C-alpha atoms as a PDB file:
ATOM      1  CA  UNK A   1      -6.666 129.994  66.028  1.00  0.00           C
ATOM      2  CA  UNK A   2      -3.767 129.272  63.877  1.00  0.00           C
ATOM      3  CA  UNK A   3      -1.733 131.782  65.945  1.00  0.00           C
ATOM      4  CA  UNK A   4      -2.707 130.130  69.323  1.00  0.00           C
ATOM      5  CA  UNK A   5      -1.707 126.408  68.084  1.00  0.00           C
ATOM      6  CA  UNK A   6       1.625 127.593  66.945  1.00  0.00           C
ATOM      7  CA  UNK A   7       2.376 129.010  70.291  1.00  0.00           C
ATOM      8  CA  UNK A   8       1.223 125.977  72.147  1.00  0.00           C
ATOM      9  CA  UNK A   9       3.020 123.518  69.931  1.00  0.00           C
ATOM     10  CA  UNK A  10       6.050 125.179  68.491  1.00  0.00           C
ATOM     11  CA  UNK A  11       7.863 123.698  65.701  1.00  0.00           C
ATOM     12  CA  UNK A  12      10.948 121.886  66.857  1.00  0.00           C
ATOM     13  CA  UNK A  13      13.314 120.698  64.009  1.00  0.00           C
ATOM     14  CA  UNK A  14      14.769 117.237  63.937  1.00  0.00           C
ATOM     15  CA  UNK A  15      18.606 116.995  64.605  1.00  0.00           C
ATOM     16  CA  UNK A  16      19.165 116.517  60.855  1.00  0.00           C
ATOM     17  CA  UNK A  17      17.275 119.935  60.186  1.00  0.00           C
ATOM     18  CA  UNK A  18      19.112 121.636  63.109  1.00  0.00           C
ATOM     19  CA  UNK A  19      22.475 120.535  61.769  1.00  0.00           C
ATOM     20  CA  UNK A  20      24.705 122.460  59.217  1.00  0.00           C
ATOM     21  CA  UNK A  21      25.277 119.329  57.425  1.00  0.00           C
ATOM     22  CA  UNK A  22      22.158 118.249  55.463  1.00  0.00           C
ATOM     23  CA  UNK A  23      23.453 114.806  54.182  1.00  0.00           C
ATOM     24  CA  UNK A  24      24.234 111.845  56.330  1.00  0.00           C
ATOM     25  CA  UNK A  25      27.709 111.478  54.760  1.00  0.00           C
ATOM     26  CA  UNK A  26      28.444 115.144  55.258  1.00  0.00           C
ATOM     27  CA  UNK A  27      27.435 114.822  59.198  1.00  0.00           C
ATOM     28  CA  UNK A  28      29.763 111.720  59.374  1.00  0.00           C
ATOM     29  CA  UNK A  29      32.582 113.729  57.643  1.00  0.00           C
ATOM     30  CA  UNK A  30      32.029 116.670  60.101  1.00  0.00           C
ATOM     31  CA  UNK A  31      31.850 114.222  63.164  1.00  0.00           C
ATOM     32  CA  UNK A  32      35.087 112.688  62.082  1.00  0.00           C
ATOM     33  CA  UNK A  33      36.772 116.082  61.683  1.00  0.00           C
ATOM     34  CA  UNK A  34      35.453 117.249  65.106  1.00  0.00           C
ATOM     35  CA  UNK A  35      36.778 113.914  66.601  1.00  0.00           C
ATOM     36  CA  UNK A  36      40.313 114.363  65.059  1.00  0.00           C
ATOM     37  CA  UNK A  37      40.486 117.912  66.290  1.00  0.00           C
ATOM     38  CA  UNK A  38      39.465 116.660  69.831  1.00  0.00           C
ATOM     39  CA  UNK A  39      42.096 113.658  69.798  1.00  0.00           C
ATOM     40  CA  UNK A  40      44.635 116.261  68.659  1.00  0.00           C
ATOM     41  CA  UNK A  41      43.825 118.669  71.618  1.00  0.00           C
ATOM     42  CA  UNK A  42      43.950 115.624  74.075  1.00  0.00           C
ATOM     43  CA  UNK A  43      47.435 114.705  72.539  1.00  0.00           C
ATOM     44  CA  UNK A  44      48.555 118.299  72.979  1.00  0.00           C
ATOM     45  CA  UNK A  45      47.132 118.790  76.441  1.00  0.00           C
ATOM     46  CA  UNK A  46      48.383 115.324  78.032  1.00  0.00           C
ATOM     47  CA  UNK A  47      51.550 115.194  75.958  1.00  0.00           C
ATOM     48  CA  UNK A  48      53.475 117.574  78.214  1.00  0.00           C
ATOM     49  CA  UNK A  49      54.970 116.586  81.578  1.00  0.00           C
ATOM     50  CA  UNK A  50      52.287 118.820  83.210  1.00  0.00           C
ATOM     51  CA  UNK A  51      49.445 117.110  81.281  1.00  0.00           C
ATOM     52  CA  UNK A  52      50.786 113.523  82.160  1.00  0.00           C
ATOM     53  CA  UNK A  53      50.872 114.497  85.928  1.00  0.00           C
ATOM     54  CA  UNK A  54      47.224 115.781  85.555  1.00  0.00           C
ATOM     55  CA  UNK A  55      46.179 112.538  83.732  1.00  0.00           C
ATOM     56  CA  UNK A  56      47.818 110.543  86.419  1.00  0.00           C
ATOM     57  CA  UNK A  57      45.852 112.219  88.976  1.00  0.00           C
ATOM     58  CA  UNK A  58      42.699 111.820  87.111  1.00  0.00           C
ATOM     59  CA  UNK A  59      43.342 108.251  86.830  1.00  0.00           C
ATOM     60  CA  UNK A  60      43.848 107.898  90.392  1.00  0.00           C
ATOM     61  CA  UNK A  61      40.647 110.122  91.470  1.00  0.00           C
ATOM     62  CA  UNK A  62      38.523 108.091  89.014  1.00  0.00           C
ATOM     63  CA  UNK A  63      39.814 104.781  90.665  1.00  0.00           C
ATOM     64  CA  UNK A  64      40.376 103.310  87.237  1.00  0.00           C
ATOM     65  CA  UNK A  65      41.947  99.813  87.548  1.00  0.00           C
ATOM     66  CA  UNK A  66      40.500  99.621  91.024  1.00  0.00           C
ATOM     67  CA  UNK A  67      37.528  97.481  92.138  1.00  0.00           C
ATOM     68  CA  UNK A  68      34.235  99.069  91.499  1.00  0.00           C
ATOM     69  CA  UNK A  69      32.377  97.252  94.157  1.00  0.00           C
ATOM     70  CA  UNK A  70      32.251  99.273  97.430  1.00  0.00           C
ATOM     71  CA  UNK A  71      30.236 101.185  99.846  1.00  0.00           C
ATOM     72  CA  UNK A  72      30.663 103.327 103.050  1.00  0.00           C
ATOM     73  CA  UNK A  73      28.179 102.537 105.739  1.00  0.00           C
ATOM     74  CA  UNK A  74      29.801 105.670 107.669  1.00  0.00           C
ATOM     75  CA  UNK A  75      28.293 107.933 104.916  1.00  0.00           C
ATOM     76  CA  UNK A  76      25.102 105.680 104.647  1.00  0.00           C
ATOM     77  CA  UNK A  77      26.222 104.392 101.425  1.00  0.00           C
ATOM     78  CA  UNK A  78      25.497 100.545 100.892  1.00  0.00           C
ATOM     79  CA  UNK A  79      27.433  98.322  98.621  1.00  0.00           C
ATOM     80  CA  UNK A  80      25.039  98.891  95.540  1.00  0.00           C
ATOM     81  CA  UNK A  81      25.047 102.581  95.859  1.00  0.00           C
ATOM     82  CA  UNK A  82      28.949 102.712  96.347  1.00  0.00           C
ATOM     83  CA  UNK A  83      29.437 100.444  93.174  1.00  0.00           C
ATOM     84  CA  UNK A  84      27.176 102.727  91.057  1.00  0.00           C
ATOM     85  CA  UNK A  85      29.076 105.800  92.279  1.00  0.00           C
ATOM     86  CA  UNK A  86      32.304 104.142  91.662  1.00  0.00           C
ATOM     87  CA  UNK A  87      31.239 103.019  88.146  1.00  0.00           C
ATOM     88  CA  UNK A  88      30.173 106.676  87.545  1.00  0.00           C
ATOM     89  CA  UNK A  89      33.662 108.047  88.306  1.00  0.00           C
ATOM     90  CA  UNK A  90      35.509 105.605  86.316  1.00  0.00           C
ATOM     91  CA  UNK A  91      33.246 105.961  83.275  1.00  0.00           C
ATOM     92  CA  UNK A  92      34.491 109.511  82.536  1.00  0.00           C
ATOM     93  CA  UNK A  93      38.284 108.555  82.466  1.00  0.00           C
ATOM     94  CA  UNK A  94      37.405 105.663  80.568  1.00  0.00           C
ATOM     95  CA  UNK A  95      35.748 107.827  77.837  1.00  0.00           C
ATOM     96  CA  UNK A  96      38.911 110.179  77.886  1.00  0.00           C
ATOM     97  CA  UNK A  97      41.252 107.134  77.343  1.00  0.00           C
ATOM     98  CA  UNK A  98      39.585 106.584  74.026  1.00  0.00           C
ATOM     99  CA  UNK A  99      40.992 109.996  72.670  1.00  0.00           C
ATOM    100  CA  UNK A 100      44.226 109.952  74.357  1.00  0.00           C
ATOM    101  CA  UNK A 101      47.340 108.613  72.077  1.00  0.00           C
ATOM    102  CA  UNK A 102      48.517 105.151  73.331  1.00  0.00           C
ATOM    103  CA  UNK A 103      52.002 106.311  73.862  1.00  0.00           C
ATOM    104  CA  UNK A 104      50.868 108.990  76.405  1.00  0.00           C
ATOM    105  CA  UNK A 105      48.582 106.363  78.095  1.00  0.00           C
ATOM    106  CA  UNK A 106      51.540 103.932  78.203  1.00  0.00           C
ATOM    107  CA  UNK A 107      53.809 106.426  79.838  1.00  0.00           C
ATOM    108  CA  UNK A 108      51.206 107.476  82.524  1.00  0.00           C
ATOM    109  CA  UNK A 109      49.645 104.073  83.265  1.00  0.00           C
ATOM    110  CA  UNK A 110      52.555 101.547  82.822  1.00  0.00           C
ATOM    111  CA  UNK A 111      55.787 103.379  83.382  1.00  0.00           C
ATOM    112  CA  UNK A 112      57.215 104.610  86.592  1.00  0.00           C
ATOM    113  CA  UNK A 113      56.776 108.275  86.935  1.00  0.00           C
ATOM    114  CA  UNK A 114      59.168 109.917  89.289  1.00  0.00           C
ATOM    115  CA  UNK A 115      56.617 112.160  90.858  1.00  0.00           C
ATOM    116  CA  UNK A 116      54.202 110.899  93.423  1.00  0.00           C
ATOM    117  CA  UNK A 117      50.649 112.148  93.465  1.00  0.00           C
ATOM    118  CA  UNK A 118      50.123 114.163  96.729  1.00  0.00           C
END
């Protein structure tokens, strides 16, 4: 009986038990360390001229700074569906912006860049 119960209801540890860090302070420190590393990776990636070109392309594709309201009746997409779709596209870029240094964002979003997006 005991063997069948364990197969039917397997033990799934909580997130704190699965984590390498057992203490909440250790978890916060580990999260902060990972966030610092990710920010450094974003800075290295988008700090180059090629990275800035890619970031500018991502911004344009996401529709960042454009109206979210929209739809396309030719595709069968009404205004509500179009607005949800546009919101989803811009949300990823918005999250990425939080990890990119301000100097890089300023160069990409507010200064004239010589190359046009094709």
